[in-house]
Amino acid sequence: MSDKQAGKAVGSQTLSRGLRALELVAAQPQGLAVQDVAEHLGVHRTIAYRTLVTLAEHHLVVRSSDGRYRAGSGTVTLARGYAAGVREAALPVLRRTADEIGATVALIAAEGDEAVAVAVVEPRSVDYHIGYRVGSRHPVGIGAAGIALATLRLPAPAEPAEVTQAREQGYARTFGQIEPGAHGVAVPLHTADPALHMCVNLITSREDVADASVAAMRAVAKEISALG
């Protein structure tokens, strides 16, 4: 092997190790110690430490006061890019679903403690419907979408009963929590990136439409999750 080829091999190995370390840390909300990363990667602790320091320099991981490494602010930029890809792939599915059900459907993403509408599609099949704009925000844990997003977090001892119920049944169903007189149905997405918390959400003034939409919304969530 030439020196040039050897250099490329070492570079590829280093990049691969760094990406794997980032995946490991991002998948553990409680964080990982240097030794944990070293054991998962099968390398010496010194190598794991250097890898984490490099990731920290790019804000992809951060060392907390307890000495454990957690996902850093740099991953937000990556997640936004990924979310944009999911959004574009989901739009045709959302358009079809809105027309079939006759209600507004949306793709909602968690940004910190807020649920943010990243795509909203209103139905063309009915004359009257409830609508809202892209960028609309409300707290995670409130409304169908907020509850669905809360189910993607680790269970908490004191979490609201409606979050526990939604986690068990696989969807959230609410009435009037965000918009008076509005019924909401939301289903969390399970994409390739567990750190990306998103859900599909339906809003309607008709109880019968909301009740009849659950199976379809679950199927839509599964379809969009597969696209991501």
Protein backbone atom coordinates (compact mmCIF):
# COMPACT_ATOMS: atom_id res chain seq x y z
CA MET A 1 0.00 0.00 0.00
CA SER A 2 1.36 3.45 -0.93
CA ASP A 3 1.74 6.26 1.60
CA LYS A 4 -1.18 8.06 -0.06
CA GLN A 5 -3.43 5.00 0.19
CA ALA A 6 -2.37 4.44 3.79
CA GLY A 7 -3.23 8.04 4.63
CA LYS A 8 -6.68 7.68 3.10
CA ALA A 9 -7.28 4.47 5.06
CA VAL A 10 -6.31 6.14 8.34
CA GLY A 11 -8.47 9.16 7.54
CA SER A 12 -11.48 6.97 6.74
CA GLN A 13 -11.00 5.02 9.96
CA THR A 14 -10.77 8.22 12.01
CA LEU A 15 -13.90 9.67 10.37
CA SER A 16 -15.78 6.43 10.88
CA ARG A 17 -14.77 6.31 14.55
CA GLY A 18 -15.85 9.92 15.06
CA LEU A 19 -19.25 9.35 13.46
CA ARG A 20 -19.80 6.23 15.49
CA ALA A 21 -18.89 8.07 18.69
CA LEU A 22 -21.37 10.82 17.80
CA GLU A 23 -24.11 8.25 17.19
CA LEU A 24 -23.40 6.62 20.56
CA VAL A 25 -23.53 9.90 22.49
CA ALA A 26 -26.61 11.21 20.67
CA ALA A 27 -28.52 8.01 21.46
CA GLN A 28 -27.96 8.39 25.22
CA PRO A 29 -29.77 11.39 26.77
CA GLN A 30 -28.05 10.66 30.10
CA GLY A 31 -24.69 10.95 28.38
CA LEU A 32 -21.66 8.68 28.13
CA ALA A 33 -18.33 8.70 29.93
CA VAL A 34 -15.07 8.47 27.97
CA GLN A 35 -14.62 4.87 29.11
CA ASP A 36 -18.13 3.98 27.91
CA VAL A 37 -17.31 5.30 24.43
CA ALA A 38 -13.95 3.51 24.42
CA GLU A 39 -15.60 0.19 25.25
CA HIS A 40 -18.29 0.61 22.60
CA LEU A 41 -15.71 1.52 19.96
CA GLY A 42 -13.23 -1.12 21.07
CA VAL A 43 -10.38 1.38 21.37
CA HIS A 44 -8.07 2.67 24.10
CA ARG A 45 -9.49 5.33 26.40
CA THR A 46 -6.99 7.89 25.06
CA ILE A 47 -8.24 7.44 21.50
CA ALA A 48 -11.86 7.77 22.62
CA TYR A 49 -10.98 10.94 24.53
CA ARG A 50 -9.28 12.51 21.50
CA THR A 51 -12.26 11.62 19.33
CA LEU A 52 -14.68 13.25 21.78
CA VAL A 53 -12.51 16.36 22.11
CA THR A 54 -12.54 16.77 18.33
CA LEU A 55 -16.33 16.43 18.24
CA ALA A 56 -16.58 18.95 21.09
CA GLU A 57 -14.47 21.45 19.13
CA HIS A 58 -17.19 21.36 16.45
CA HIS A 59 -19.96 21.62 19.10
CA LEU A 60 -21.30 18.20 18.17
CA VAL A 61 -20.88 16.95 21.73
CA VAL A 62 -20.46 18.77 25.03
CA ARG A 63 -18.80 17.66 28.26
CA SER A 64 -21.15 18.18 31.22
CA SER A 65 -20.16 18.92 34.81
CA ASP A 66 -20.52 15.22 35.66
CA GLY A 67 -17.81 14.39 33.13
CA ARG A 68 -20.18 12.70 30.74
CA TYR A 69 -20.55 13.69 27.09
CA ARG A 70 -23.92 14.62 25.61
CA ALA A 71 -25.11 15.81 22.19
CA GLY A 72 -24.04 19.41 21.56
CA SER A 73 -25.63 22.40 19.87
CA GLY A 74 -24.00 21.51 16.54
CA THR A 75 -26.36 18.58 16.18
CA VAL A 76 -29.28 21.01 15.97
CA THR A 77 -28.04 22.24 12.58
CA LEU A 78 -27.74 18.65 11.39
CA ALA A 79 -31.21 17.83 12.70
CA ARG A 80 -32.73 20.84 10.94
CA GLY A 81 -31.23 19.72 7.66
CA TYR A 82 -32.55 16.22 8.22
CA ALA A 83 -35.96 17.56 9.25
CA ALA A 84 -36.10 19.59 6.03
CA GLY A 85 -35.52 16.39 4.06
CA VAL A 86 -38.28 14.60 5.96
CA ARG A 87 -40.58 17.59 5.37
CA GLU A 88 -40.10 17.54 1.60
CA ALA A 89 -40.59 13.79 1.44
CA ALA A 90 -43.71 14.01 3.62
CA LEU A 91 -45.55 16.77 1.74
CA PRO A 92 -47.15 14.54 -0.95
CA VAL A 93 -48.35 12.17 1.78
CA LEU A 94 -49.77 15.05 3.82
CA ARG A 95 -51.56 16.48 0.77
CA ARG A 96 -53.14 13.14 -0.06
CA THR A 97 -54.19 12.58 3.55
CA ALA A 98 -55.71 16.04 4.00
CA ASP A 99 -57.88 15.54 0.92
CA GLU A 100 -58.86 12.00 1.84
CA ILE A 101 -59.83 12.80 5.42
CA GLY A 102 -61.13 16.31 4.75
CA ALA A 103 -59.13 18.00 7.51
CA THR A 104 -55.91 19.96 7.96
CA VAL A 105 -52.87 17.78 8.61
CA ALA A 106 -49.39 18.88 9.58
CA LEU A 107 -45.88 17.74 10.33
CA ILE A 108 -44.81 18.96 13.77
CA ALA A 109 -41.26 18.95 15.16
CA ALA A 110 -39.96 19.48 18.69
CA GLU A 111 -37.56 22.37 19.15
CA GLY A 112 -36.55 22.33 22.79
CA ASP A 113 -39.77 22.49 24.78
CA GLU A 114 -41.86 23.77 21.89
CA ALA A 115 -43.83 21.97 19.19
CA VAL A 116 -43.35 23.76 15.86
CA ALA A 117 -45.37 23.28 12.66
CA VAL A 118 -42.88 22.64 9.85
CA ALA A 119 -45.46 21.71 7.19
CA VAL A 120 -49.21 22.37 7.10
CA VAL A 121 -51.58 21.13 4.38
CA GLU A 122 -55.24 22.16 4.21
CA PRO A 123 -57.82 19.97 2.45
CA ARG A 124 -59.14 20.83 -1.00
CA SER A 125 -62.00 18.35 -0.63
CA VAL A 126 -64.11 20.40 1.82
CA ASP A 127 -65.22 24.04 1.95
CA TYR A 128 -64.80 24.58 5.69
CA HIS A 129 -61.87 23.53 7.83
CA ILE A 130 -59.57 24.72 10.62
CA GLY A 131 -56.17 25.95 9.47
CA TYR A 132 -52.98 27.35 10.96
CA ARG A 133 -49.66 28.56 9.62
CA VAL A 134 -46.23 26.99 9.29
CA GLY A 135 -44.12 28.16 12.21
CA SER A 136 -46.98 28.05 14.71
CA ARG A 137 -45.73 27.04 18.16
CA HIS A 138 -47.09 25.67 21.39
CA PRO A 139 -45.53 23.84 24.37
CA VAL A 140 -44.60 20.18 24.16
CA GLY A 141 -47.02 18.23 26.36
CA ILE A 142 -50.08 20.29 25.39
CA GLY A 143 -52.46 19.49 22.54
CA ALA A 144 -52.41 16.29 20.50
CA ALA A 145 -49.12 17.12 18.77
CA GLY A 146 -47.43 18.25 21.99
CA ILE A 147 -48.48 15.07 23.76
CA ALA A 148 -47.38 12.86 20.86
CA LEU A 149 -43.96 14.54 20.88
CA ALA A 150 -43.70 14.05 24.65
CA THR A 151 -44.06 10.29 24.15
CA LEU A 152 -40.78 10.28 22.21
CA ARG A 153 -38.93 11.37 25.34
CA LEU A 154 -37.84 9.03 28.12
CA PRO A 155 -40.73 8.26 30.51
CA ALA A 156 -40.68 10.49 33.58
CA PRO A 157 -42.01 9.40 37.02
CA ALA A 158 -44.35 12.41 37.22
CA GLU A 159 -45.37 12.64 33.56
CA PRO A 160 -49.04 13.50 32.85
CA ALA A 161 -51.40 10.55 32.55
CA GLU A 162 -52.39 11.59 29.02
CA VAL A 163 -48.76 11.28 27.89
CA THR A 164 -48.51 7.79 29.40
CA GLN A 165 -51.79 6.84 27.74
CA ALA A 166 -50.65 8.18 24.37
CA ARG A 167 -47.37 6.26 24.65
CA GLU A 168 -49.28 3.04 25.35
CA GLN A 169 -51.86 3.43 22.58
CA GLY A 170 -49.50 4.94 20.00
CA TYR A 171 -51.36 8.21 19.39
CA ALA A 172 -52.76 11.26 21.16
CA ARG A 173 -56.35 12.49 20.98
CA THR A 174 -57.43 15.84 22.45
CA PHE A 175 -60.22 18.40 22.35
CA GLY A 176 -59.94 22.16 22.79
CA GLN A 177 -56.47 22.23 24.34
CA ILE A 178 -54.92 24.56 21.76
CA GLU A 179 -57.88 25.84 19.74
CA PRO A 180 -61.35 26.04 21.34
CA GLY A 181 -63.74 23.60 19.68
CA ALA A 182 -60.97 21.77 17.82
CA HIS A 183 -60.30 18.04 17.91
CA GLY A 184 -56.73 16.88 17.47
CA VAL A 185 -55.21 13.53 16.56
CA ALA A 186 -51.43 13.11 16.48
CA VAL A 187 -49.11 10.16 15.95
CA PRO A 188 -45.35 10.23 16.69
CA LEU A 189 -42.87 9.40 13.94
CA HIS A 190 -40.16 6.79 14.48
CA THR A 191 -37.51 7.83 11.97
CA ALA A 192 -33.97 6.60 11.43
CA ASP A 193 -32.75 9.36 13.77
CA PRO A 194 -34.08 8.78 17.31
CA ALA A 195 -32.93 12.26 18.31
CA LEU A 196 -35.35 13.86 15.83
CA HIS A 197 -38.76 14.19 17.48
CA MET A 198 -41.59 14.71 15.00
CA CYS A 199 -45.23 13.76 14.65
CA VAL A 200 -48.12 14.03 12.21
CA ASN A 201 -51.10 16.01 13.46
CA LEU A 202 -54.72 16.39 12.36
CA ILE A 203 -57.04 19.19 13.46
CA THR A 204 -60.79 19.38 12.80
CA SER A 205 -63.96 20.84 14.27
CA ARG A 206 -65.76 17.55 13.69
CA GLU A 207 -65.58 14.85 16.35
CA ASP A 208 -66.67 12.13 13.93
CA VAL A 209 -63.83 13.01 11.52
CA ALA A 210 -61.28 12.91 14.32
CA ASP A 211 -62.56 9.57 15.61
CA ALA A 212 -62.53 8.01 12.14
CA SER A 213 -59.04 9.33 11.33
CA VAL A 214 -56.99 7.43 13.91
CA ALA A 215 -56.21 4.37 11.78
CA ALA A 216 -55.38 6.51 8.74
CA MET A 217 -53.13 8.83 10.76
CA ARG A 218 -51.25 5.88 12.23
CA ALA A 219 -50.69 4.54 8.71
CA VAL A 220 -49.50 7.97 7.56
CA ALA A 221 -47.02 8.19 10.45
CA LYS A 222 -45.64 4.80 9.53
CA GLU A 223 -45.35 5.78 5.86
CA ILE A 224 -43.54 9.04 6.58
CA SER A 225 -41.26 7.38 9.15
CA ALA A 226 -40.14 4.95 6.46
CA LEU A 227 -39.34 7.86 4.13
CA GLY A 228 -36.97 9.32 6.76
